[in-house]
Protein backbone atom coordinates (compact mmCIF):
# COMPACT_ATOMS: atom_id res chain seq x y z
CA MET A 1 -60.99 -122.54 -13.70
CA PRO A 2 -57.80 -122.06 -15.77
CA LYS A 3 -55.38 -119.68 -14.15
CA VAL A 4 -53.71 -116.77 -15.89
CA VAL A 5 -51.10 -114.13 -14.98
CA VAL A 6 -51.74 -110.78 -16.68
CA GLY A 7 -49.07 -108.18 -17.12
CA MET A 8 -50.43 -104.90 -15.85
CA SER A 9 -48.74 -101.55 -16.55
CA GLY A 10 -51.36 -99.31 -15.06
CA GLY A 11 -52.79 -98.45 -18.47
CA VAL A 12 -56.15 -99.02 -20.10
CA ASP A 13 -55.02 -101.86 -22.43
CA SER A 14 -53.79 -104.24 -19.75
CA ALA A 15 -56.73 -103.28 -17.50
CA ALA A 16 -59.20 -104.25 -20.22
CA ALA A 17 -57.29 -107.44 -20.95
CA ALA A 18 -57.48 -108.47 -17.27
CA TRP A 19 -61.16 -107.63 -17.07
CA LEU A 20 -61.97 -109.61 -20.32
CA LEU A 21 -60.16 -112.67 -19.05
CA LYS A 22 -61.95 -112.61 -15.71
CA LYS A 23 -65.25 -112.22 -17.55
CA ALA A 24 -64.35 -115.21 -19.73
CA GLY A 25 -64.00 -117.37 -16.60
CA TYR A 26 -60.27 -117.33 -15.87
CA GLU A 27 -58.82 -117.06 -12.38
CA VAL A 28 -56.72 -113.88 -12.99
CA THR A 29 -53.77 -112.57 -11.12
CA GLY A 30 -52.31 -109.21 -12.24
CA VAL A 31 -48.57 -108.56 -12.03
CA THR A 32 -46.55 -105.33 -12.51
CA LEU A 33 -42.88 -105.59 -13.26
CA ARG A 34 -40.88 -102.79 -11.77
CA THR A 35 -38.37 -102.39 -14.57
CA TRP A 36 -36.86 -98.99 -14.03
CA ASP A 37 -35.97 -96.72 -11.09
CA SER A 38 -35.79 -93.01 -11.90
CA GLY A 39 -33.98 -92.30 -8.64
CA ASP A 40 -36.49 -89.60 -7.74
CA GLY A 41 -39.54 -91.80 -7.09
CA THR A 42 -40.99 -91.28 -10.58
CA GLU A 43 -42.70 -94.39 -11.95
CA SER A 44 -42.34 -95.49 -15.58
CA ARG A 45 -45.49 -95.62 -17.66
CA CYS A 46 -44.74 -99.34 -18.00
CA CYS A 47 -44.89 -99.97 -14.23
CA GLU A 48 -47.22 -97.63 -12.42
CA ILE A 49 -47.71 -99.92 -9.43
CA GLY A 50 -50.16 -97.77 -7.53
CA GLU A 51 -52.49 -97.40 -10.54
CA ALA A 52 -52.24 -101.07 -11.45
CA ARG A 53 -53.07 -102.07 -7.89
CA ARG A 54 -56.23 -99.87 -7.96
CA ILE A 55 -57.28 -101.47 -11.25
CA ALA A 56 -56.82 -104.94 -9.86
CA ASP A 57 -58.90 -104.05 -6.82
CA ALA A 58 -61.63 -102.58 -9.07
CA ILE A 59 -61.70 -105.76 -11.18
CA GLY A 60 -61.55 -108.03 -8.08
CA ILE A 61 -58.47 -110.02 -8.98
CA GLY A 62 -55.25 -110.95 -7.21
CA TYR A 63 -52.26 -108.71 -7.66
CA ARG A 64 -48.45 -109.08 -7.32
CA THR A 65 -45.36 -106.99 -8.11
CA LEU A 66 -41.87 -108.13 -9.11
CA ASN A 67 -38.74 -106.09 -8.98
CA CYS A 68 -36.63 -106.80 -12.09
CA THR A 69 -34.70 -103.56 -12.29
CA GLN A 70 -31.27 -105.24 -12.38
CA ALA A 71 -32.28 -107.67 -15.16
CA PHE A 72 -33.85 -104.80 -17.10
CA ASP A 73 -30.70 -102.72 -16.79
CA LYS A 74 -28.50 -105.58 -18.00
CA ASN A 75 -30.75 -106.90 -20.79
CA VAL A 76 -32.44 -103.75 -22.09
CA ILE A 77 -30.85 -100.47 -21.00
CA GLN A 78 -27.20 -101.42 -21.45
CA PRO A 79 -27.71 -102.89 -24.96
CA PHE A 80 -29.74 -99.71 -25.85
CA VAL A 81 -26.92 -97.41 -24.69
CA ARG A 82 -24.18 -99.45 -26.46
CA ALA A 83 -26.09 -99.50 -29.66
CA TYR A 84 -26.44 -95.73 -29.70
CA LEU A 85 -22.76 -95.36 -28.89
CA ALA A 86 -22.02 -97.54 -31.92
CA GLY A 87 -24.12 -95.39 -34.24
CA ARG A 88 -27.21 -97.67 -34.32
CA THR A 89 -30.85 -96.97 -33.60
CA PRO A 90 -32.19 -99.78 -31.34
CA ASN A 91 -35.71 -100.56 -30.35
CA PRO A 92 -35.53 -101.65 -26.67
CA CYS A 93 -39.13 -102.89 -26.41
CA ILE A 94 -38.34 -105.71 -28.82
CA GLY A 95 -35.73 -107.18 -26.53
CA CYS A 96 -37.69 -106.38 -23.39
CA ASN A 97 -40.67 -108.52 -24.37
CA PRO A 98 -38.99 -111.99 -24.45
CA ASN A 99 -36.17 -111.26 -22.05
CA ILE A 100 -38.01 -109.39 -19.31
CA LYS A 101 -41.82 -109.28 -19.59
CA TRP A 102 -42.45 -112.85 -20.62
CA GLU A 103 -39.58 -114.35 -18.61
CA TRP A 104 -40.72 -112.76 -15.38
CA MET A 105 -44.41 -113.34 -16.05
CA GLU A 106 -43.65 -117.04 -16.74
CA TYR A 107 -41.68 -117.22 -13.50
CA LEU A 108 -44.71 -115.95 -11.48
CA ALA A 109 -47.02 -118.26 -13.44
CA GLY A 110 -44.82 -121.19 -12.33
CA VAL A 111 -44.95 -120.05 -8.69
CA LEU A 112 -48.78 -119.73 -8.86
CA GLN A 113 -49.22 -122.86 -10.94
CA ALA A 114 -50.99 -120.76 -13.53
CA ASP A 115 -51.75 -122.17 -17.01
CA TYR A 116 -51.17 -119.00 -19.00
CA VAL A 117 -49.65 -115.59 -19.14
CA ALA A 118 -51.46 -112.68 -20.89
CA THR A 119 -50.85 -109.10 -22.01
CA GLY A 120 -52.80 -106.18 -23.45
CA HIS A 121 -50.92 -106.15 -26.76
CA TYR A 122 -52.94 -105.56 -29.89
CA ALA A 123 -52.23 -108.89 -31.59
CA SER A 124 -53.46 -112.49 -31.56
CA VAL A 125 -51.59 -115.74 -30.85
CA VAL A 126 -52.43 -118.35 -33.46
CA ARG A 127 -51.23 -121.85 -34.30
CA LEU A 128 -50.54 -122.42 -37.99
CA ASP A 129 -51.11 -125.59 -40.01
CA ASN A 130 -47.40 -126.40 -39.75
CA GLY A 131 -47.77 -126.58 -35.96
CA ARG A 132 -45.86 -123.37 -35.25
CA TYR A 133 -47.18 -120.63 -32.98
CA THR A 134 -47.07 -117.03 -34.19
CA VAL A 135 -48.60 -113.64 -33.67
CA LYS A 136 -51.22 -112.34 -36.12
CA ARG A 137 -51.75 -108.69 -36.98
CA ALA A 138 -54.41 -107.01 -34.96
CA ALA A 139 -57.80 -106.62 -36.61
CA HIS A 140 -57.38 -102.83 -36.47
CA SER A 141 -54.02 -102.17 -38.06
CA GLU A 142 -53.52 -98.71 -36.62
CA LYS A 143 -52.77 -100.28 -33.18
CA ASP A 144 -51.11 -103.51 -34.36
CA GLN A 145 -48.12 -104.46 -32.10
CA THR A 146 -46.87 -107.66 -33.80
CA TYR A 147 -43.68 -105.92 -34.89
CA MET A 148 -42.62 -105.70 -31.17
CA LEU A 149 -43.32 -109.37 -30.58
CA TYR A 150 -41.32 -111.17 -33.31
CA ARG A 151 -38.62 -112.43 -30.90
CA LEU A 152 -40.98 -114.43 -28.63
CA SER A 153 -40.14 -118.13 -28.54
CA GLN A 154 -42.42 -121.02 -29.35
CA GLU A 155 -42.41 -121.98 -25.67
CA GLN A 156 -43.51 -118.45 -24.69
CA LEU A 157 -46.20 -118.22 -27.35
CA LYS A 158 -47.92 -121.55 -26.63
CA ASN A 159 -48.83 -120.40 -23.11
CA THR A 160 -49.75 -116.82 -24.02
CA LEU A 161 -53.16 -115.14 -24.31
CA MET A 162 -53.66 -111.78 -26.01
CA PRO A 163 -57.38 -110.93 -25.67
CA LEU A 164 -57.27 -107.52 -27.45
CA GLY A 165 -56.35 -108.71 -30.92
CA ASN A 166 -59.82 -108.11 -32.36
CA TYR A 167 -60.61 -104.83 -30.63
CA SER A 168 -59.94 -101.21 -31.66
CA LYS A 169 -58.60 -98.68 -29.15
CA ASP A 170 -62.01 -97.03 -28.92
CA GLU A 171 -63.61 -100.35 -28.15
CA VAL A 172 -61.07 -101.07 -25.43
CA ARG A 173 -61.78 -97.74 -23.79
CA GLU A 174 -65.49 -98.41 -23.92
CA ILE A 175 -64.95 -101.85 -22.30
CA ALA A 176 -63.05 -100.11 -19.49
CA ARG A 177 -65.74 -97.52 -19.07
CA GLU A 178 -68.52 -100.10 -18.90
CA ALA A 179 -66.48 -102.03 -16.38
CA GLY A 180 -65.98 -98.94 -14.24
CA LEU A 181 -62.18 -99.04 -14.51
CA PRO A 182 -60.44 -95.83 -13.38
CA VAL A 183 -58.16 -95.59 -16.43
CA ALA A 184 -60.74 -95.70 -19.27
CA SER A 185 -59.71 -92.22 -20.43
CA LYS A 186 -56.08 -92.39 -19.61
CA PRO A 187 -53.80 -91.15 -22.46
CA ASP A 188 -51.53 -93.61 -24.26
CA SER A 189 -47.87 -93.63 -23.54
CA GLN A 190 -45.74 -92.99 -26.63
CA GLU A 191 -42.20 -92.71 -25.31
CA ILE A 192 -39.64 -95.32 -24.30
CA CYS A 193 -40.44 -96.13 -20.68
CA PHE A 194 -37.06 -95.28 -19.26
CA VAL A 195 -36.61 -92.06 -21.36
CA PRO A 196 -39.88 -90.30 -20.52
CA ASP A 197 -38.79 -86.93 -22.00
CA ASP A 198 -37.64 -88.51 -25.31
CA ASP A 199 -34.17 -87.00 -24.94
CA TYR A 200 -32.25 -90.10 -25.81
CA ALA A 201 -28.85 -88.41 -26.08
CA GLY A 202 -29.25 -86.68 -22.72
CA TYR A 203 -30.29 -90.01 -21.13
CA ILE A 204 -27.29 -91.80 -22.60
CA GLU A 205 -24.83 -89.14 -21.37
CA LYS A 206 -26.19 -89.36 -17.83
CA TYR A 207 -26.29 -93.13 -17.91
CA VAL A 208 -22.67 -93.48 -19.10
CA GLU A 209 -21.43 -91.01 -16.53
CA ALA A 210 -23.27 -92.93 -13.76
CA ALA A 211 -22.08 -96.30 -15.10
CA ARG A 212 -18.48 -95.24 -15.14
CA HIS A 213 -18.77 -94.41 -11.41
CA GLY A 214 -20.78 -97.59 -10.60
CA ASN A 215 -20.62 -101.28 -11.35
CA ALA A 216 -22.15 -101.57 -14.80
CA GLU A 217 -20.69 -104.53 -16.76
CA ASN A 218 -17.96 -103.31 -19.15
CA ALA A 219 -18.65 -99.68 -18.19
CA SER A 220 -15.10 -98.72 -19.10
CA LEU A 221 -15.96 -99.47 -22.73
CA MET A 222 -18.81 -96.94 -22.72
CA ILE A 223 -17.34 -93.73 -24.23
CA ILE A 224 -19.52 -90.91 -25.44
CA PRO A 225 -18.42 -89.94 -28.94
CA GLY A 226 -17.51 -86.25 -29.16
CA GLU A 227 -17.95 -83.81 -31.99
CA GLY A 228 -17.06 -84.94 -35.49
CA SER A 229 -17.56 -84.07 -39.13
CA PHE A 230 -20.68 -83.88 -41.29
CA VAL A 231 -19.54 -85.09 -44.72
CA ASP A 232 -21.35 -85.48 -48.06
CA GLU A 233 -21.44 -88.72 -50.03
CA GLN A 234 -18.10 -87.87 -51.68
CA GLY A 235 -16.42 -87.32 -48.34
CA ASN A 236 -16.35 -83.50 -48.45
CA ARG A 237 -16.59 -81.88 -45.05
CA LEU A 238 -19.79 -79.89 -44.54
CA GLY A 239 -19.62 -78.90 -40.89
CA THR A 240 -19.34 -80.17 -37.31
CA HIS A 241 -21.86 -82.44 -35.65
CA ARG A 242 -22.54 -82.71 -31.83
CA GLY A 243 -21.79 -86.45 -31.50
CA ILE A 244 -23.25 -89.49 -33.27
CA ILE A 245 -25.66 -90.28 -30.42
CA HIS A 246 -27.70 -87.22 -31.49
CA TYR A 247 -28.56 -88.57 -34.96
CA THR A 248 -30.39 -91.40 -36.72
CA ILE A 249 -30.77 -92.42 -40.37
CA GLY A 250 -33.36 -90.23 -42.15
CA GLN A 251 -33.18 -87.41 -39.66
CA ARG A 252 -33.61 -83.87 -41.06
CA ARG A 253 -34.29 -81.65 -38.09
CA GLY A 254 -31.53 -80.38 -35.84
CA LEU A 255 -28.67 -80.71 -38.28
CA GLY A 256 -27.84 -77.00 -38.35
CA LEU A 257 -26.34 -77.18 -41.86
CA PRO A 258 -27.04 -74.12 -44.11
CA LEU A 259 -26.88 -76.04 -47.40
CA GLY A 260 -29.70 -74.29 -49.17
CA SER A 261 -31.65 -77.50 -49.68
CA ARG A 262 -33.14 -80.22 -47.49
CA ALA A 263 -30.51 -82.50 -46.06
CA TYR A 264 -30.86 -85.82 -44.28
CA VAL A 265 -28.68 -88.17 -42.34
CA LYS A 266 -27.82 -90.95 -44.77
CA GLU A 267 -25.19 -92.91 -42.79
CA ILE A 268 -23.49 -92.86 -39.38
CA ARG A 269 -19.81 -93.94 -39.36
CA PRO A 270 -18.73 -94.60 -35.75
CA GLN A 271 -15.22 -95.69 -36.78
CA THR A 272 -14.44 -92.22 -38.19
CA ASN A 273 -17.01 -90.31 -36.13
CA GLU A 274 -18.59 -89.00 -39.34
CA VAL A 275 -22.28 -88.34 -40.15
CA VAL A 276 -22.91 -88.61 -43.92
CA ILE A 277 -25.48 -86.26 -45.36
CA GLY A 278 -27.51 -86.83 -48.50
CA ASP A 279 -30.75 -85.85 -50.22
CA ASN A 280 -34.03 -87.66 -49.70
CA GLU A 281 -33.52 -89.94 -52.71
CA SER A 282 -30.29 -91.22 -51.27
CA LEU A 283 -32.16 -92.76 -48.31
CA PHE A 284 -33.95 -95.40 -50.35
CA ARG A 285 -32.80 -99.04 -50.37
CA ALA A 286 -34.07 -102.04 -52.29
CA GLU A 287 -32.06 -104.58 -50.19
CA VAL A 288 -31.99 -104.68 -46.43
CA TYR A 289 -29.64 -107.09 -44.63
CA CYS A 290 -30.40 -108.41 -41.10
CA ARG A 291 -28.63 -110.42 -38.50
CA GLU A 292 -29.75 -111.78 -35.07
CA ILE A 293 -32.49 -113.62 -36.99
CA CYS A 294 -35.50 -115.03 -35.26
CA PHE A 295 -38.03 -117.24 -37.03
CA MET A 296 -41.52 -117.55 -35.68
CA GLY A 297 -44.16 -118.79 -38.13
CA ILE A 298 -41.58 -120.95 -40.01
CA PRO A 299 -38.95 -123.13 -38.38
CA ASP A 300 -36.05 -121.86 -40.47
CA LEU A 301 -34.66 -120.99 -43.93
CA VAL A 302 -31.59 -122.79 -45.07
CA PRO A 303 -28.81 -120.69 -46.75
CA GLY A 304 -29.84 -119.92 -50.34
CA GLU A 305 -33.58 -120.54 -49.65
CA LYS A 306 -36.05 -117.76 -50.53
CA MET A 307 -39.65 -116.93 -49.74
CA ARG A 308 -42.11 -114.28 -50.82
CA THR A 309 -43.31 -112.18 -47.99
CA LEU A 310 -44.56 -108.77 -46.79
CA ALA A 311 -41.95 -106.90 -44.69
CA LYS A 312 -41.64 -103.74 -42.68
CA ILE A 313 -38.47 -101.98 -41.44
CA ARG A 314 -39.89 -100.00 -38.53
CA TYR A 315 -42.94 -100.06 -36.21
CA HIS A 316 -44.90 -97.53 -38.21
CA HIS A 317 -43.84 -98.72 -41.64
CA ARG A 318 -46.58 -100.28 -43.81
CA GLU A 319 -45.69 -103.85 -44.88
CA GLN A 320 -44.27 -103.98 -48.41
CA PRO A 321 -43.99 -106.92 -50.87
CA ALA A 322 -40.52 -108.42 -50.72
CA GLU A 323 -38.38 -111.59 -51.06
CA VAL A 324 -36.54 -112.91 -48.04
CA GLU A 325 -33.35 -114.98 -48.68
CA ARG A 326 -31.14 -116.71 -46.08
CA THR A 327 -27.67 -115.47 -47.18
CA ALA A 328 -25.53 -116.82 -44.35
CA GLU A 329 -25.75 -118.66 -41.04
CA ASP A 330 -26.86 -115.50 -39.20
CA GLU A 331 -27.96 -113.26 -42.08
CA ILE A 332 -30.97 -112.69 -44.25
CA CYS A 333 -31.51 -110.29 -47.15
CA ILE A 334 -34.86 -108.73 -47.65
CA ARG A 335 -35.28 -107.52 -51.26
CA PHE A 336 -38.20 -105.17 -51.59
CA ASP A 337 -40.20 -104.88 -54.80
CA GLU A 338 -40.02 -101.12 -54.33
CA PRO A 339 -37.17 -99.43 -52.43
CA VAL A 340 -37.91 -98.52 -48.79
CA ARG A 341 -36.89 -95.25 -47.18
CA ALA A 342 -34.22 -94.97 -44.47
CA PRO A 343 -33.70 -98.46 -43.07
CA ALA A 344 -31.71 -97.78 -39.89
CA PRO A 345 -29.08 -100.18 -38.53
CA GLY A 346 -30.31 -101.38 -35.04
CA GLN A 347 -33.95 -101.28 -35.96
CA SER A 348 -35.70 -104.54 -36.79
CA ALA A 349 -37.19 -105.75 -40.05
CA VAL A 350 -40.13 -108.13 -39.64
CA PHE A 351 -41.73 -110.24 -42.32
CA TYR A 352 -45.25 -111.61 -42.59
CA ASP A 353 -47.36 -114.07 -44.60
CA PRO A 354 -50.33 -112.84 -46.61
CA ASP A 355 -52.69 -113.40 -43.64
CA GLY A 356 -50.67 -111.06 -41.44
CA CYS A 357 -48.94 -113.70 -39.40
CA VAL A 358 -45.32 -113.04 -38.40
CA MET A 359 -42.89 -115.41 -40.09
CA GLY A 360 -39.77 -113.95 -38.56
CA GLY A 361 -37.44 -110.94 -38.45
CA GLY A 362 -33.96 -109.68 -37.66
CA VAL A 363 -31.90 -106.63 -36.71
CA ILE A 364 -30.93 -104.36 -39.61
CA ILE A 365 -27.22 -104.02 -40.25
């Protein structure tokens, strides 16, 4: 039987994936990666070891755990914190997938001489006519997770199974119920795993304080920006903000500005510690520039080369018709047919072919 290592978080999706693979004839070993330590014994929703172990026992598969908290801190949490300190809005899951989840699952697969790694993501791995591997949009778009996977390498994709790509969430829960798995009705996790209360600013403040008294790399460069000025698009001062880590592009709530009309965060200027305020119309952009480019379904674009595509600028954004052009060695420009609302520096833009296969993406600047 082919062997597969399945990433198990303790949730219903990874449980159903493991059960489906065993049913299909694979020799399955589940693995939970401990990525985050709360300090008080609380487990992240991404690594509930006790729950995952019970699921593995119920399915009748092998089970392992790996402690990768140090790697997670260095490769996910620290970049997340530094991005917010610089006025950007990062998506830590995008970096976690290739640099933590796949890297450590592949390590265990090597130890166990397994043929594949697998996850419970709502997506499918496909090989295109050009020989490239990519991820294809889930059959039920409301749960599609391809946006989070665009940085996976060809080596990682060619040995990856994603058995949930053609199922809806309701169907996955029914699979878990029929299999007698104890998490069939478990609620989904919506928050970032290491910020369970969604208070990003509070988490960053505590992290920086702890880092400055610990051994975090370049901790001395982590400085919490203090209060600064709200300004309008002409530079006129409107009021005082609490610190740029409390804001993101497009935000309306929590500004505390009595302007008599709806106001939104249009721009964050870390160099001057200013938050620029505008109206809703000011948030729309026809051109979005990205760096840290990663191509998946195509090998590359040369500078000046263009391609028609469908692109999205955040996880919950519907793909929009656009043209992608390679404008520099590490830069692309995505020109949307219709302007898109509130592209935020630090978020990723991902572009697809007409069949829903990821062609590539990059980090918005």
